[in-house]
Amino acid sequence: MDRHVEPSEDLQSVSSLLLNLRLQDEQGTFRPAALRTTDVQAMLERLGLDGTLLEESVLIGCSEQNQVQFCLDVGELDRAAVEQVCGGNFISLRKAFFLLTEPEAPLVAKGQALLRWHQTSGFCSATGKPTQRNQAGSQRVCSRSGITYYPKMSPVVIVLVSDGKRCLLGRQSSFPQGMYSALAGFCDMGETVEETLCREVAEEVGLEVSRVSYSSSQHWPFPHSSFMMGFHASVSPAHSQLSVDHTELEDARWFSLEEISSALQVKTPPRRGDPPVLWLPPKHAIANRLITEWTDHQQRGEEGQ
């Protein structure tokens, strides 16, 4: 739905500096800075700019307190000056996802994904002519052909594989040290999600899955706005020998319920110099949800024995 939205003092304006900026609160945690329109206008004035940049704000949602929420790209402003004015620090989105709370992360992900889409969709792929955004920032239209473009997400399957007693986790070389996650892969053209799941598991670890059940879905901003569909899958304990494709994964291995239960207790990423420890994606990530579901199922099974 496209409707007129006029930023005012009653609307919460969340800019890209706030998507990447974490302000430390009294409890010593980090959270996105949330500024009203007047706050952003005052910040721009202190940086010697007028308020026209606010017209580039993109609508991302509405809070439970009925505050309309926007994001704004301030990447071309002086970084140090913005940090000083706002009293915080820019950090990467990947790092931020390990520090944010569950309600904050989806808002940050959506804002970042929409801003990046606008940055990369300035021209029509058919005519090469500039595209113009609507006021809400939910679409772009070619100035010549009238073709309308909408933000897109790439479909990804993420699956937690179990042999009945253990669950399978893997890690890429780009992961922080000690972090393991569920297996994941992009859907190829023409594939069903079930076909993608079976292919990815076979390619990455050499296993053939049997039963598959759907869990849930999630938007994920990495690497370029993905639509994650989460599944559980089973393999026969008699055919659980791994054959890891090291071009895809740095490592993959089976973990016991005891190991996973301990890893779920690790609430923050280990600091540099800490002893090596298994830890998992943040609580608001769908991989964590799959692992938690498996753990709960295993514990209920043990209680019933």
Protein backbone atom coordinates (compact mmCIF):
# COMPACT_ATOMS: atom_id res chain seq x y z
CA MET A 1 0.00 0.00 0.00
CA ASP A 2 1.35 3.40 -0.95
CA ARG A 3 0.04 6.33 1.02
CA HIS A 4 1.25 9.79 1.90
CA VAL A 5 3.47 9.81 4.99
CA GLU A 6 4.65 13.17 6.24
CA PRO A 7 7.42 13.01 8.86
CA SER A 8 6.59 15.11 11.92
CA GLU A 9 7.66 15.54 15.52
CA ASP A 10 5.40 12.60 16.42
CA LEU A 11 7.13 10.20 14.04
CA GLN A 12 10.23 8.18 14.88
CA SER A 13 12.89 8.55 12.21
CA VAL A 14 15.49 5.78 12.19
CA SER A 15 18.41 6.61 9.94
CA SER A 16 21.17 4.39 8.64
CA LEU A 17 23.55 5.78 11.21
CA LEU A 18 21.06 4.40 13.70
CA LEU A 19 21.03 1.10 11.90
CA ASN A 20 24.77 0.83 12.40
CA LEU A 21 25.17 2.92 15.52
CA ARG A 22 24.83 1.37 18.97
CA LEU A 23 24.40 3.55 22.02
CA GLN A 24 25.39 2.06 25.37
CA ASP A 25 22.59 2.17 27.93
CA GLU A 26 22.73 2.06 31.74
CA GLN A 27 22.99 -1.74 31.72
CA GLY A 28 26.07 -1.65 29.52
CA THR A 29 24.38 -3.16 26.48
CA PHE A 30 24.16 -1.72 22.98
CA ARG A 31 21.03 -0.82 21.08
CA PRO A 32 20.11 1.17 17.95
CA ALA A 33 19.76 4.88 18.48
CA ALA A 34 16.14 5.94 17.90
CA LEU A 35 15.75 9.60 16.94
CA ARG A 36 12.66 11.62 16.19
CA THR A 37 12.49 13.71 13.06
CA THR A 38 13.35 16.84 15.02
CA ASP A 39 16.45 15.12 16.42
CA VAL A 40 17.66 14.23 12.93
CA GLN A 41 16.96 17.76 11.70
CA ALA A 42 18.96 19.19 14.59
CA MET A 43 21.81 16.77 13.87
CA LEU A 44 21.91 17.82 10.21
CA GLU A 45 21.91 21.50 11.19
CA ARG A 46 24.85 20.93 13.57
CA LEU A 47 26.68 19.34 10.64
CA GLY A 48 25.99 22.41 8.49
CA LEU A 49 23.31 20.75 6.33
CA ASP A 50 19.69 21.60 5.60
CA GLY A 51 16.81 19.19 6.12
CA THR A 52 16.39 18.08 2.51
CA LEU A 53 18.22 14.81 3.24
CA LEU A 54 15.21 13.77 5.30
CA GLU A 55 13.23 13.50 2.07
CA GLU A 56 15.31 10.40 1.30
CA SER A 57 13.94 8.57 4.36
CA VAL A 58 12.43 5.15 3.68
CA LEU A 59 9.40 3.85 5.55
CA ILE A 60 10.13 0.59 7.38
CA GLY A 61 7.23 0.08 9.76
CA CYS A 62 5.17 1.18 12.72
CA SER A 63 5.96 0.46 16.36
CA GLU A 64 3.56 -0.95 18.95
CA GLN A 65 3.32 2.61 20.26
CA ASN A 66 2.02 3.71 16.82
CA GLN A 67 5.20 5.54 15.92
CA VAL A 68 5.98 5.47 12.22
CA GLN A 69 9.56 4.31 11.66
CA PHE A 70 11.93 5.41 8.91
CA CYS A 71 15.51 4.69 7.92
CA LEU A 72 17.91 7.14 6.34
CA ASP A 73 21.24 6.64 4.58
CA VAL A 74 23.87 9.01 5.98
CA GLY A 75 26.82 7.18 4.47
CA GLU A 76 28.09 10.25 2.65
CA LEU A 77 28.23 12.38 5.79
CA ASP A 78 31.37 12.70 7.87
CA ARG A 79 31.41 9.56 10.00
CA ALA A 80 33.34 10.97 12.95
CA ALA A 81 31.14 14.07 13.06
CA VAL A 82 27.94 11.99 13.10
CA GLU A 83 29.31 9.77 15.86
CA GLN A 84 30.21 12.82 17.93
CA VAL A 85 26.82 14.47 17.48
CA CYS A 86 24.93 11.28 18.33
CA GLY A 87 27.23 10.07 21.08
CA GLY A 88 27.78 6.58 19.69
CA ASN A 89 29.90 4.51 17.34
CA PHE A 90 29.31 2.92 13.95
CA ILE A 91 29.79 -0.84 13.88
CA SER A 92 29.24 -3.40 11.14
CA LEU A 93 25.80 -4.91 10.74
CA ARG A 94 27.14 -8.46 11.20
CA LYS A 95 28.69 -7.57 14.54
CA ALA A 96 25.57 -5.67 15.55
CA PHE A 97 23.42 -8.77 15.11
CA PHE A 98 25.26 -10.41 18.00
CA LEU A 99 24.54 -7.42 20.23
CA LEU A 100 20.94 -6.53 19.38
CA THR A 101 17.89 -7.80 21.20
CA GLU A 102 15.25 -9.86 19.41
CA PRO A 103 12.74 -7.02 18.76
CA GLU A 104 15.42 -4.68 17.37
CA ALA A 105 17.11 -7.01 14.90
CA PRO A 106 14.27 -7.38 12.33
CA LEU A 107 13.83 -3.60 12.17
CA VAL A 108 17.54 -3.07 11.58
CA ALA A 109 17.61 -5.85 8.97
CA LYS A 110 14.67 -4.43 7.04
CA GLY A 111 16.03 -0.90 7.07
CA GLN A 112 19.48 -1.94 5.89
CA ALA A 113 18.04 -4.17 3.15
CA LEU A 114 15.78 -1.41 1.81
CA LEU A 115 18.56 1.19 1.81
CA ARG A 116 20.90 -1.18 -0.01
CA TRP A 117 18.18 -1.99 -2.57
CA HIS A 118 17.72 1.71 -3.33
CA GLN A 119 21.48 2.14 -3.69
CA THR A 120 21.68 -0.63 -6.31
CA SER A 121 18.41 -0.01 -8.18
CA GLY A 122 18.88 3.49 -9.50
CA PHE A 123 18.60 2.46 -13.17
CA CYS A 124 16.16 0.36 -15.18
CA SER A 125 17.60 -2.97 -16.37
CA ALA A 126 15.54 -2.77 -19.58
CA THR A 127 16.16 0.84 -20.70
CA GLY A 128 19.16 1.96 -18.67
CA LYS A 129 17.23 5.08 -17.66
CA PRO A 130 17.00 6.34 -14.07
CA THR A 131 14.31 4.97 -11.78
CA GLN A 132 12.36 7.14 -9.37
CA ARG A 133 11.21 6.01 -5.94
CA ASN A 134 7.75 6.56 -4.53
CA GLN A 135 7.40 8.58 -1.34
CA ALA A 136 7.37 5.62 1.02
CA GLY A 137 10.40 4.06 -0.68
CA SER A 138 8.60 0.76 -1.30
CA GLN A 139 9.10 0.75 -5.09
CA ARG A 140 10.97 2.38 -7.97
CA VAL A 141 9.62 3.18 -11.45
CA CYS A 142 11.54 3.60 -14.72
CA SER A 143 11.24 7.17 -15.98
CA ARG A 144 10.92 5.98 -19.58
CA SER A 145 9.14 2.61 -19.71
CA GLY A 146 7.09 2.85 -16.53
CA ILE A 147 8.37 -0.55 -15.35
CA THR A 148 7.88 -0.86 -11.60
CA TYR A 149 10.58 -2.48 -9.47
CA TYR A 150 10.03 -3.89 -5.99
CA PRO A 151 12.57 -4.97 -3.35
CA LYS A 152 13.48 -8.64 -3.72
CA MET A 153 14.71 -11.38 -1.40
CA SER A 154 16.68 -14.47 -2.43
CA PRO A 155 15.12 -17.77 -1.23
CA VAL A 156 17.39 -19.77 1.08
CA VAL A 157 16.82 -23.11 2.81
CA ILE A 158 18.34 -23.60 6.26
CA VAL A 159 18.12 -27.05 7.82
CA LEU A 160 19.04 -28.69 11.10
CA VAL A 161 19.90 -32.35 10.45
CA SER A 162 19.59 -34.97 13.20
CA ASP A 163 20.43 -38.67 13.45
CA GLY A 164 18.05 -39.10 16.37
CA LYS A 165 20.62 -38.47 19.12
CA ARG A 166 22.85 -35.76 17.69
CA CYS A 167 22.42 -32.68 15.50
CA LEU A 168 24.69 -31.57 12.67
CA LEU A 169 26.25 -28.12 12.61
CA GLY A 170 28.80 -26.58 10.29
CA ARG A 171 30.89 -23.45 10.00
CA GLN A 172 32.35 -21.36 7.21
CA SER A 173 35.79 -19.80 7.43
CA SER A 174 34.15 -16.37 7.62
CA PHE A 175 32.35 -17.28 10.87
CA PRO A 176 33.66 -15.90 14.17
CA GLN A 177 35.94 -18.39 15.94
CA GLY A 178 34.02 -21.19 17.63
CA MET A 179 30.63 -20.43 16.08
CA TYR A 180 28.68 -23.22 14.38
CA SER A 181 25.29 -23.05 12.69
CA ALA A 182 22.73 -25.07 10.74
CA LEU A 183 23.43 -25.85 7.08
CA ALA A 184 22.02 -23.44 4.50
CA GLY A 185 21.98 -22.85 0.77
CA PHE A 186 20.29 -20.82 -1.95
CA CYS A 187 17.47 -22.29 -4.01
CA ASP A 188 18.46 -22.84 -7.64
CA MET A 189 16.12 -21.78 -10.43
CA GLY A 190 13.25 -24.25 -10.78
CA GLU A 191 13.93 -26.08 -7.51
CA THR A 192 11.43 -26.76 -4.76
CA VAL A 193 12.59 -26.04 -1.23
CA GLU A 194 12.65 -29.80 -0.55
CA GLU A 195 14.93 -30.36 -3.54
CA THR A 196 17.22 -27.57 -2.40
CA LEU A 197 17.40 -29.04 1.10
CA CYS A 198 18.33 -32.51 -0.12
CA ARG A 199 20.87 -31.18 -2.63
CA GLU A 200 22.61 -28.86 -0.15
CA VAL A 201 22.95 -31.53 2.53
CA ALA A 202 24.30 -34.02 -0.01
CA GLU A 203 26.74 -31.49 -1.49
CA GLU A 204 28.06 -30.07 1.77
CA VAL A 205 28.30 -33.14 4.00
CA GLY A 206 27.49 -36.16 1.81
CA LEU A 207 24.32 -37.25 3.64
CA GLU A 208 20.95 -38.41 2.30
CA VAL A 209 18.03 -37.05 4.33
CA SER A 210 14.75 -38.83 4.93
CA ARG A 211 12.00 -37.09 6.89
CA VAL A 212 11.70 -33.32 6.42
CA SER A 213 9.50 -30.96 8.45
CA TYR A 214 8.99 -27.20 8.13
CA SER A 215 9.68 -24.94 11.11
CA SER A 216 9.48 -21.23 10.28
CA SER A 217 10.85 -18.44 8.08
CA GLN A 218 12.78 -15.20 8.49
CA HIS A 219 14.16 -12.31 6.51
CA TRP A 220 17.96 -12.16 6.84
CA PRO A 221 20.05 -9.26 5.50
CA PHE A 222 23.09 -11.36 4.56
CA PRO A 223 24.59 -11.65 2.08
CA HIS A 224 22.09 -9.59 0.06
CA SER A 225 18.63 -9.79 1.65
CA SER A 226 17.66 -13.46 1.94
CA PHE A 227 14.34 -15.13 2.71
CA MET A 228 15.27 -17.97 5.06
CA MET A 229 12.99 -21.01 5.23
CA GLY A 230 13.82 -23.25 8.19
CA PHE A 231 13.48 -27.04 8.29
CA HIS A 232 14.32 -30.06 10.38
CA ALA A 233 15.56 -33.19 8.61
CA SER A 234 16.51 -36.70 9.69
CA VAL A 235 19.16 -39.14 8.54
CA SER A 236 19.64 -42.79 9.42
CA PRO A 237 22.11 -43.33 12.29
CA ALA A 238 23.60 -46.14 10.22
CA HIS A 239 24.42 -43.69 7.41
CA SER A 240 25.67 -40.66 9.32
CA GLN A 241 29.33 -40.66 8.25
CA LEU A 242 30.21 -37.16 7.07
CA SER A 243 32.01 -36.27 3.85
CA VAL A 244 32.58 -32.53 4.23
CA ASP A 245 33.05 -30.40 1.11
CA HIS A 246 35.78 -28.05 2.34
CA THR A 247 35.19 -25.66 -0.54
CA GLU A 248 31.79 -24.99 1.07
CA LEU A 249 32.50 -25.48 4.78
CA GLU A 250 35.54 -25.13 6.98
CA ASP A 251 34.16 -27.81 9.28
CA ALA A 252 31.00 -29.80 10.04
CA ARG A 253 30.38 -32.26 12.85
CA TRP A 254 27.80 -33.96 15.01
CA PHE A 255 27.03 -32.49 18.43
CA SER A 256 25.39 -34.18 21.40
CA LEU A 257 22.45 -32.79 23.36
CA GLU A 258 24.81 -32.00 26.24
CA GLU A 259 27.13 -30.00 23.99
CA ILE A 260 24.24 -28.06 22.40
CA SER A 261 22.62 -27.36 25.78
CA SER A 262 25.90 -25.88 27.02
CA ALA A 263 26.32 -23.79 23.85
CA LEU A 264 22.82 -22.33 24.25
CA GLN A 265 23.92 -20.97 27.63
CA VAL A 266 26.61 -18.83 25.99
CA LYS A 267 24.77 -15.50 25.76
CA THR A 268 27.52 -13.30 24.29
CA PRO A 269 30.33 -14.03 21.82
CA PRO A 270 33.61 -15.01 23.51
CA ARG A 271 36.11 -12.21 23.80
CA ARG A 272 39.55 -12.31 22.26
CA GLY A 273 41.84 -14.34 24.48
CA ASP A 274 39.03 -16.37 26.07
CA PRO A 275 39.31 -20.19 25.98
CA PRO A 276 37.80 -21.79 22.86
CA VAL A 277 34.10 -22.53 23.30
CA LEU A 278 31.24 -23.69 21.07
CA TRP A 279 28.70 -20.94 20.55
CA LEU A 280 25.69 -20.44 18.30
CA PRO A 281 24.02 -17.74 16.19
CA PRO A 282 22.13 -15.06 18.16
CA LYS A 283 18.74 -15.80 19.65
CA HIS A 284 16.82 -13.88 16.98
CA ALA A 285 18.44 -15.88 14.13
CA ILE A 286 16.38 -18.71 12.65
CA ALA A 287 19.35 -21.08 13.10
CA ASN A 288 19.13 -20.55 16.85
CA ARG A 289 15.40 -21.24 16.71
CA LEU A 290 15.95 -24.55 14.90
CA ILE A 291 18.63 -25.59 17.39
CA THR A 292 16.42 -24.64 20.35
CA GLU A 293 13.48 -26.60 18.90
CA TRP A 294 15.67 -29.67 18.47
CA THR A 295 17.00 -29.32 22.02
CA ASP A 296 13.51 -29.02 23.48
CA HIS A 297 12.36 -32.07 21.51
CA GLN A 298 15.33 -34.14 22.70
CA GLN A 299 14.84 -33.13 26.33
CA ARG A 300 11.15 -34.03 26.21
CA GLY A 301 12.11 -37.41 24.76
CA GLU A 302 14.56 -38.05 27.59
CA GLU A 303 11.98 -37.05 30.20
CA GLY A 304 9.50 -39.51 28.70
CA GLN A 305 11.88 -42.45 28.96
